[in-house]
N, C-alpha and C. Protein backbone atom coordinates (compact mmCIF):
# COMPACT_ATOMS: atom_id res chain seq x y z
N UNK A 1 0.41 2.42 17.04
CA UNK A 1 -0.68 2.73 17.58
C UNK A 1 -1.87 2.41 16.53
N UNK A 2 -2.83 1.42 17.28
CA UNK A 2 -3.73 0.87 16.60
C UNK A 2 -4.84 1.82 16.97
N UNK A 3 -5.53 2.10 16.03
CA UNK A 3 -6.95 2.99 16.16
C UNK A 3 -8.36 2.27 16.18
N UNK A 4 -9.24 2.28 16.78
CA UNK A 4 -10.24 1.39 17.01
C UNK A 4 -11.39 1.97 15.96
N UNK A 5 -12.37 1.57 15.87
CA UNK A 5 -13.50 1.66 14.82
C UNK A 5 -13.87 3.69 15.47
N UNK A 6 -14.48 3.22 16.55
CA UNK A 6 -15.00 4.45 17.44
C UNK A 6 -14.11 5.56 17.30
N UNK A 7 -12.64 5.56 17.41
CA UNK A 7 -11.67 6.73 17.05
C UNK A 7 -11.83 7.00 15.95
N UNK A 8 -11.56 6.27 14.48
CA UNK A 8 -11.68 6.51 13.38
C UNK A 8 -12.90 7.27 13.03
N UNK A 9 -14.22 6.89 13.98
CA UNK A 9 -15.05 7.59 13.19
C UNK A 9 -14.95 9.28 13.94
N UNK A 10 -14.79 8.78 15.13
CA UNK A 10 -14.52 10.42 15.90
C UNK A 10 -13.77 11.53 14.77
N UNK A 11 -12.39 10.85 14.60
CA UNK A 11 -11.52 11.62 13.94
C UNK A 11 -11.99 12.34 12.54
N UNK A 12 -12.82 11.36 11.92
CA UNK A 12 -13.75 11.69 10.67
C UNK A 12 -14.23 12.98 11.13
N UNK A 13 -15.33 12.73 11.81
CA UNK A 13 -16.33 13.31 12.11
C UNK A 13 -15.61 14.90 12.50
N UNK A 14 -14.83 15.10 13.20
CA UNK A 14 -13.81 16.43 13.58
C UNK A 14 -13.43 16.90 12.22
N UNK A 15 -13.01 15.95 11.12
CA UNK A 15 -12.22 16.81 10.08
C UNK A 15 -13.54 17.11 9.00
N UNK A 16 -14.45 16.76 9.13
CA UNK A 16 -15.58 17.24 8.19
C UNK A 16 -16.12 18.44 9.01
N UNK A 17 -16.33 18.14 10.54
CA UNK A 17 -17.04 19.91 11.18
C UNK A 17 -15.63 20.68 10.86
N UNK A 18 -14.51 20.45 10.89
CA UNK A 18 -13.36 21.56 10.68
C UNK A 18 -13.45 22.12 9.21
N UNK A 19 -13.80 21.21 8.45
CA UNK A 19 -13.66 21.88 6.81
C UNK A 19 -14.74 22.56 6.65
N UNK A 20 -15.98 22.56 7.62
CA UNK A 20 -17.27 23.07 7.20
C UNK A 20 -16.98 24.65 8.03
N UNK A 21 -16.26 24.87 8.80
CA UNK A 21 -15.81 26.31 9.70
C UNK A 21 -15.69 27.23 8.53
N UNK A 22 -15.91 28.35 8.63
CA UNK A 22 -16.04 29.40 7.62
C UNK A 22 -14.40 30.01 8.21
N UNK A 23 -13.86 30.37 7.30
CA UNK A 23 -12.56 30.94 7.52
C UNK A 23 -12.43 32.28 7.69
N UNK A 24 -11.77 32.76 8.39
CA UNK A 24 -11.85 34.19 8.82
C UNK A 24 -11.47 35.20 7.98
N UNK A 25 -12.26 36.38 7.85
CA UNK A 25 -12.39 37.43 6.87
C UNK A 25 -11.15 38.07 7.17
N UNK A 26 -10.09 38.32 5.78
CA UNK A 26 -9.03 39.35 5.75
C UNK A 26 -9.27 40.39 5.02
N UNK A 27 -8.71 41.30 5.26
CA UNK A 27 -8.97 42.41 4.53
C UNK A 27 -8.31 42.05 2.74
N UNK A 28 -9.19 42.77 2.10
CA UNK A 28 -8.81 42.56 0.73
C UNK A 28 -8.00 43.65 0.39
N UNK A 29 -6.95 43.56 -0.23
CA UNK A 29 -6.12 44.70 -0.85
C UNK A 29 -7.23 45.81 -1.50
N UNK A 30 -7.08 47.15 -1.27
CA UNK A 30 -7.90 47.70 -1.78
C UNK A 30 -9.54 47.53 -1.79
N UNK A 31 -10.06 46.68 -0.96
CA UNK A 31 -11.24 46.24 -1.07
C UNK A 31 -12.03 47.35 -1.04
N UNK A 32 -11.91 48.46 -0.29
CA UNK A 32 -12.66 49.94 -0.24
C UNK A 32 -12.73 50.66 -1.57
N UNK A 33 -12.09 50.12 -2.47
CA UNK A 33 -11.78 50.80 -3.61
C UNK A 33 -13.21 50.40 -4.43
N UNK A 34 -13.23 48.92 -4.29
CA UNK A 34 -14.49 48.16 -4.89
C UNK A 34 -15.92 48.48 -4.33
N UNK A 35 -15.88 48.68 -3.12
CA UNK A 35 -17.02 48.96 -2.46
C UNK A 35 -17.58 50.19 -2.66
N UNK A 36 -16.77 51.43 -3.14
CA UNK A 36 -16.83 53.01 -3.21
C UNK A 36 -17.06 52.48 -5.13
N UNK A 37 -16.46 51.88 -5.47
CA UNK A 37 -17.14 51.85 -7.27
C UNK A 37 -18.42 51.13 -7.37
N UNK A 38 -18.67 50.12 -6.64
CA UNK A 38 -20.27 49.61 -6.43
C UNK A 38 -21.34 50.68 -6.31
N UNK A 39 -21.21 51.45 -5.37
CA UNK A 39 -21.96 52.90 -4.77
C UNK A 39 -21.80 53.47 -5.81
N UNK A 40 -21.16 53.95 -6.66
CA UNK A 40 -20.77 54.98 -7.86
C UNK A 40 -21.37 54.86 -8.96
N UNK A 41 -21.25 53.60 -9.21
CA UNK A 41 -21.70 52.68 -10.45
C UNK A 41 -20.35 53.02 -11.65
N UNK A 42 -19.18 53.67 -10.78
CA UNK A 42 -18.10 54.17 -11.84
C UNK A 42 -18.02 55.48 -12.17
N UNK A 43 -19.11 56.20 -11.62
CA UNK A 43 -19.03 57.69 -11.88
C UNK A 43 -18.26 58.14 -11.20
N UNK A 44 -17.83 59.64 -11.92
CA UNK A 44 -16.76 60.75 -11.29
C UNK A 44 -17.35 60.86 -9.81
N UNK A 45 -16.26 61.31 -9.09
CA UNK A 45 -16.58 61.88 -7.61
C UNK A 45 -16.15 63.01 -7.40
N UNK A 46 -16.54 63.85 -6.84
CA UNK A 46 -15.87 65.49 -6.95
C UNK A 46 -15.35 65.43 -5.33
N UNK A 47 -14.26 66.10 -5.02
CA UNK A 47 -13.57 66.16 -3.84
C UNK A 47 -14.40 67.45 -2.99
N UNK A 48 -14.60 67.13 -1.80
CA UNK A 48 -15.13 67.79 -0.88
C UNK A 48 -16.79 67.71 -1.21
N UNK A 49 -17.11 68.58 -0.47
CA UNK A 49 -19.01 68.59 -0.22
C UNK A 49 -19.28 67.49 0.96
N UNK A 50 -18.50 66.67 1.46
CA UNK A 50 -18.94 65.55 2.62
C UNK A 50 -18.46 66.07 3.74
N UNK A 51 -18.78 66.48 4.62
CA UNK A 51 -18.29 66.43 6.31
C UNK A 51 -17.97 65.22 7.36
N UNK A 52 -16.67 64.86 7.63
CA UNK A 52 -16.50 63.96 8.53
C UNK A 52 -16.29 64.44 9.76
N UNK A 53 -16.93 64.01 10.67
CA UNK A 53 -16.76 64.45 12.01
C UNK A 53 -15.88 63.42 12.60
N UNK A 54 -14.92 63.54 13.36
CA UNK A 54 -14.25 61.95 13.88
C UNK A 54 -12.97 62.52 14.70
N UNK A 55 -12.61 62.07 15.77
CA UNK A 55 -11.28 62.53 16.52
C UNK A 55 -10.23 62.15 15.54
N UNK A 56 -9.17 63.04 15.75
CA UNK A 56 -7.93 62.84 15.08
C UNK A 56 -7.11 61.74 15.42
N UNK A 57 -7.33 61.52 16.87
CA UNK A 57 -6.67 60.27 17.46
C UNK A 57 -7.54 59.79 18.25
N UNK A 58 -7.60 58.41 18.20
CA UNK A 58 -8.69 57.52 19.07
C UNK A 58 -7.75 56.71 19.83
N UNK A 59 -8.12 56.94 21.28
CA UNK A 59 -7.38 55.99 22.32
C UNK A 59 -7.47 54.80 21.84
N UNK A 60 -8.72 54.32 21.96
CA UNK A 60 -9.19 52.81 21.67
C UNK A 60 -10.21 52.98 20.67
N UNK A 61 -9.70 51.62 19.78
CA UNK A 61 -10.24 51.75 18.59
C UNK A 61 -11.76 51.21 18.34
N UNK A 62 -11.98 50.54 19.68
CA UNK A 62 -13.29 49.66 19.79
C UNK A 62 -14.73 50.48 19.59
N UNK A 63 -14.39 51.83 19.93
CA UNK A 63 -15.65 52.90 19.91
C UNK A 63 -15.37 54.01 19.55
N UNK A 64 -15.25 54.35 18.13
CA UNK A 64 -14.83 55.80 17.53
C UNK A 64 -16.02 56.23 17.29
N UNK A 65 -16.37 57.52 17.69
CA UNK A 65 -17.38 58.13 17.36
C UNK A 65 -17.23 59.09 16.03
N UNK A 66 -18.23 58.92 14.68
CA UNK A 66 -17.98 59.30 13.46
C UNK A 66 -19.32 60.13 13.34
N UNK A 67 -19.05 61.13 12.65
CA UNK A 67 -20.93 61.88 12.20
C UNK A 67 -20.32 62.00 10.47
N UNK A 68 -21.15 62.07 9.80
CA UNK A 68 -21.03 62.29 8.17
C UNK A 68 -22.27 63.54 7.85
N UNK A 69 -22.05 64.44 7.23
CA UNK A 69 -23.15 65.06 6.81
C UNK A 69 -22.37 65.79 5.40
N UNK A 70 -23.82 66.10 4.74
CA UNK A 70 -23.53 66.42 3.11
C UNK A 70 -25.07 66.85 2.79
N UNK A 71 -25.18 68.17 2.80
CA UNK A 71 -26.02 69.08 2.34
C UNK A 71 -26.72 68.67 0.92
N UNK A 72 -27.95 68.27 0.84
CA UNK A 72 -28.54 67.61 -0.51
C UNK A 72 -28.75 66.21 -0.38
N UNK A 73 -27.78 65.40 0.48
CA UNK A 73 -27.27 64.02 -0.11
C UNK A 73 -28.99 63.17 -0.16
N UNK A 74 -28.38 62.31 -0.85
CA UNK A 74 -30.04 61.37 -1.00
C UNK A 74 -29.38 60.16 -0.48
N UNK A 75 -28.01 59.62 -0.27
CA UNK A 75 -27.44 58.68 0.70
C UNK A 75 -25.98 58.85 1.03
N UNK A 76 -25.47 58.23 1.83
CA UNK A 76 -23.86 58.46 2.11
C UNK A 76 -23.48 57.10 2.78
N UNK A 77 -22.74 56.91 2.25
CA UNK A 77 -21.99 55.56 1.96
C UNK A 77 -20.14 55.85 2.99
N UNK A 78 -20.26 55.12 4.25
CA UNK A 78 -18.76 55.35 5.00
C UNK A 78 -18.16 54.30 4.95
N UNK A 79 -16.64 54.56 4.44
CA UNK A 79 -15.83 53.13 4.40
C UNK A 79 -14.61 53.58 5.09
N UNK A 80 -13.76 52.58 5.69
CA UNK A 80 -12.90 52.68 6.36
C UNK A 80 -11.79 51.65 5.50
N UNK A 81 -10.42 52.22 5.37
CA UNK A 81 -9.65 52.04 4.46
C UNK A 81 -8.73 50.79 4.59
N UNK A 82 -8.99 50.28 6.25
CA UNK A 82 -7.80 49.66 6.88
C UNK A 82 -8.60 48.16 7.79
N UNK A 83 -9.92 48.31 7.74
CA UNK A 83 -10.73 47.24 8.20
C UNK A 83 -10.77 46.26 7.33
N UNK A 84 -11.05 44.80 7.95
CA UNK A 84 -11.34 43.77 7.36
C UNK A 84 -12.66 43.60 6.65
N UNK A 85 -13.78 44.42 6.76
CA UNK A 85 -14.47 44.64 6.29
C UNK A 85 -14.65 46.34 6.16
N UNK A 86 -14.56 46.74 4.84
CA UNK A 86 -14.43 48.30 4.71
C UNK A 86 -15.56 49.03 4.79
N UNK A 87 -16.51 48.38 4.31
CA UNK A 87 -17.90 49.18 4.36
C UNK A 87 -18.43 49.32 6.04
N UNK A 88 -18.52 50.54 6.36
CA UNK A 88 -18.76 50.59 7.70
C UNK A 88 -20.26 51.08 7.81
N UNK A 89 -20.93 51.95 6.96
CA UNK A 89 -22.43 52.13 7.06
C UNK A 89 -22.63 52.66 5.45
N UNK A 90 -24.13 52.78 5.18
CA UNK A 90 -24.42 53.56 4.34
C UNK A 90 -25.97 53.75 4.74
N UNK A 91 -25.90 55.25 5.05
CA UNK A 91 -26.88 56.29 5.54
C UNK A 91 -28.03 56.34 4.35
N UNK A 92 -29.16 56.55 4.01
CA UNK A 92 -30.23 56.95 3.13
C UNK A 92 -31.13 57.86 3.77
N UNK A 93 -31.26 59.10 2.69
CA UNK A 93 -32.37 60.07 3.38
C UNK A 93 -33.62 60.39 2.29
N UNK A 94 -34.79 60.13 2.82
CA UNK A 94 -35.70 60.35 2.17
C UNK A 94 -35.88 61.67 1.72
N UNK A 95 -37.00 61.97 0.78
CA UNK A 95 -37.45 63.15 0.76
C UNK A 95 -37.90 64.09 1.58
N UNK A 96 -38.47 63.35 2.95
CA UNK A 96 -39.02 64.01 4.04
C UNK A 96 -37.81 64.07 5.16
N UNK A 97 -36.79 63.55 4.85
CA UNK A 97 -35.70 64.09 5.98
C UNK A 97 -35.65 65.17 6.15
N UNK A 98 -35.19 65.19 7.61
CA UNK A 98 -35.22 66.71 8.09
C UNK A 98 -33.49 67.22 7.71
N UNK A 99 -32.56 66.51 7.56
CA UNK A 99 -31.45 66.92 7.37
C UNK A 99 -30.68 65.80 6.63
N UNK A 100 -29.55 65.70 5.63
CA UNK A 100 -28.73 64.67 5.59
C UNK A 100 -27.60 64.42 6.25
N UNK A 101 -27.58 64.30 7.36
CA UNK A 101 -26.45 64.13 8.12
C UNK A 101 -26.73 62.67 9.16
N UNK A 102 -25.64 61.88 9.70
CA UNK A 102 -26.02 60.68 10.73
C UNK A 102 -24.89 60.70 11.68
N UNK A 103 -25.03 60.06 12.71
CA UNK A 103 -23.52 59.40 13.42
C UNK A 103 -23.93 58.23 13.73
N UNK A 104 -22.58 57.77 13.99
CA UNK A 104 -22.78 56.50 14.91
C UNK A 104 -21.72 56.18 15.44
N UNK A 105 -21.16 55.09 15.98
CA UNK A 105 -19.64 54.68 16.59
C UNK A 105 -19.04 53.56 15.79
N UNK A 106 -18.07 53.51 15.47
CA UNK A 106 -17.68 52.24 15.05
C UNK A 106 -16.18 51.92 15.34
N UNK A 107 -15.70 50.31 14.75
CA UNK A 107 -14.53 50.02 15.27
C UNK A 107 -13.58 50.17 14.32
N UNK A 108 -12.25 50.69 14.61
CA UNK A 108 -11.24 50.66 13.57
C UNK A 108 -10.21 49.87 14.00
N UNK A 109 -9.53 49.18 13.06
CA UNK A 109 -8.51 47.93 13.64
C UNK A 109 -7.15 48.94 13.81
N UNK A 110 -7.02 49.58 13.06
CA UNK A 110 -5.37 50.65 13.19
C UNK A 110 -5.69 51.77 12.76
N UNK A 111 -4.62 52.66 12.78
CA UNK A 111 -4.86 53.76 12.14
C UNK A 111 -5.16 53.84 10.60
N UNK A 112 -6.04 54.15 10.24
CA UNK A 112 -6.39 54.42 8.97
C UNK A 112 -7.22 55.82 8.26
N UNK A 113 -7.66 55.63 7.16
CA UNK A 113 -8.50 56.75 6.29
C UNK A 113 -10.02 56.35 6.29
N UNK A 114 -10.71 57.44 7.08
CA UNK A 114 -12.26 57.13 6.86
C UNK A 114 -12.68 58.12 5.46
N UNK A 115 -13.40 57.26 4.35
CA UNK A 115 -13.88 57.97 3.36
C UNK A 115 -15.45 57.62 3.20
N UNK A 116 -15.97 59.11 3.20
CA UNK A 116 -17.29 59.25 2.92
C UNK A 116 -17.70 59.66 1.61
N UNK A 117 -18.39 58.83 0.55
CA UNK A 117 -19.04 59.46 -0.60
C UNK A 117 -20.54 59.83 -0.42
N UNK A 118 -21.14 60.95 -0.60
CA UNK A 118 -22.65 61.07 -0.84
C UNK A 118 -23.07 61.19 -2.26
N UNK A 119 -23.88 60.44 -2.33
CA UNK A 119 -25.18 60.51 -3.58
C UNK A 119 -26.15 61.61 -3.60
N UNK A 120 -25.69 62.81 -4.43
CA UNK A 120 -26.59 63.88 -4.08
C UNK A 120 -27.95 63.45 -4.74
N UNK A 121 -29.09 64.08 -4.70
CA UNK A 121 -30.35 64.21 -5.17
C UNK A 121 -30.35 64.56 -6.74
N UNK A 122 -29.19 65.19 -7.36
CA UNK A 122 -29.13 65.14 -8.68
C UNK A 122 -28.25 64.23 -9.24
N UNK A 123 -28.21 63.17 -8.52
CA UNK A 123 -27.26 61.96 -9.30
C UNK A 123 -25.71 62.20 -9.16
N UNK A 124 -25.09 63.20 -8.88
CA UNK A 124 -23.96 63.60 -8.95
C UNK A 124 -23.13 62.85 -7.15
N UNK A 125 -21.82 62.99 -7.57
CA UNK A 125 -21.19 62.20 -6.11
C UNK A 125 -20.33 63.00 -5.50
N UNK A 126 -20.23 63.21 -4.15
CA UNK A 126 -19.11 63.99 -3.49
C UNK A 126 -18.22 63.13 -2.21
N UNK A 127 -17.37 63.59 -2.10
CA UNK A 127 -16.28 62.78 -1.60
C UNK A 127 -15.45 63.66 -0.30
N UNK A 128 -15.76 62.89 0.91
CA UNK A 128 -14.53 63.55 1.88
C UNK A 128 -13.79 62.38 2.58
N UNK A 129 -12.96 62.92 3.30
CA UNK A 129 -11.79 61.86 4.06
C UNK A 129 -11.37 62.62 5.12
N UNK A 130 -10.85 61.63 6.09
CA UNK A 130 -10.46 61.85 7.16
C UNK A 130 -9.46 60.96 7.65
N UNK A 131 -8.34 61.06 8.38
CA UNK A 131 -7.74 59.96 8.83
C UNK A 131 -7.65 60.17 10.65
N UNK A 132 -7.54 58.92 10.88
CA UNK A 132 -7.91 58.83 12.48
C UNK A 132 -6.90 57.56 12.71
N UNK A 133 -5.88 58.22 13.87
CA UNK A 133 -5.19 57.61 14.49
C UNK A 133 -5.40 56.60 15.47
N UNK A 134 -5.20 55.27 15.35
CA UNK A 134 -5.68 54.59 16.63
C UNK A 134 -4.50 54.11 17.32
N UNK A 135 -4.52 54.28 18.67
CA UNK A 135 -3.25 53.92 19.61
C UNK A 135 -3.71 52.35 19.96
N UNK A 136 -4.88 51.84 20.18
CA UNK A 136 -5.12 50.66 20.54
C UNK A 136 -6.15 50.10 20.10
N UNK A 137 -6.02 48.91 18.76
CA UNK A 137 -6.88 48.68 17.74
C UNK A 137 -8.04 47.95 18.19
N UNK A 138 -9.07 47.83 17.60
CA UNK A 138 -10.77 47.65 17.90
C UNK A 138 -11.08 46.27 17.53
N UNK A 139 -9.88 45.71 16.69
CA UNK A 139 -10.59 44.50 15.49
C UNK A 139 -9.42 43.59 16.18
N UNK A 140 -9.13 43.51 17.43
CA UNK A 140 -8.20 42.33 17.98
C UNK A 140 -6.69 42.70 17.49
N UNK A 141 -6.56 44.06 17.19
CA UNK A 141 -5.54 44.68 17.20
C UNK A 141 -4.49 45.00 18.87
């Protein structure tokens, strides 16, 4: 097979374009622990004090309603342990906030644990968790 100059240029351009494309994001083993460590700065985290409202069984992982609340929290981070990107959301509450709770809808790839860590106004940290069983994955699963 004989390649023309035009075909060689087209192949070269296609190869450069393919090399420039970003690789898909894959879940880093225990990447959620790294996210929580960055949020807490390595401080001790007390169990309890954070409420997570989420369904026990989510029929479709594309849209799972989640609520988090922690009395006296300045910020709450929500993490999913089985998603390619573990940090779901970070909610910050100012001193004039009416309450320290938030709700959102998230996408879950598979059955996994949701973890919420709250930074309290006094600088301490509290943690809550909940397992959500997903029957149809929302991240291409």
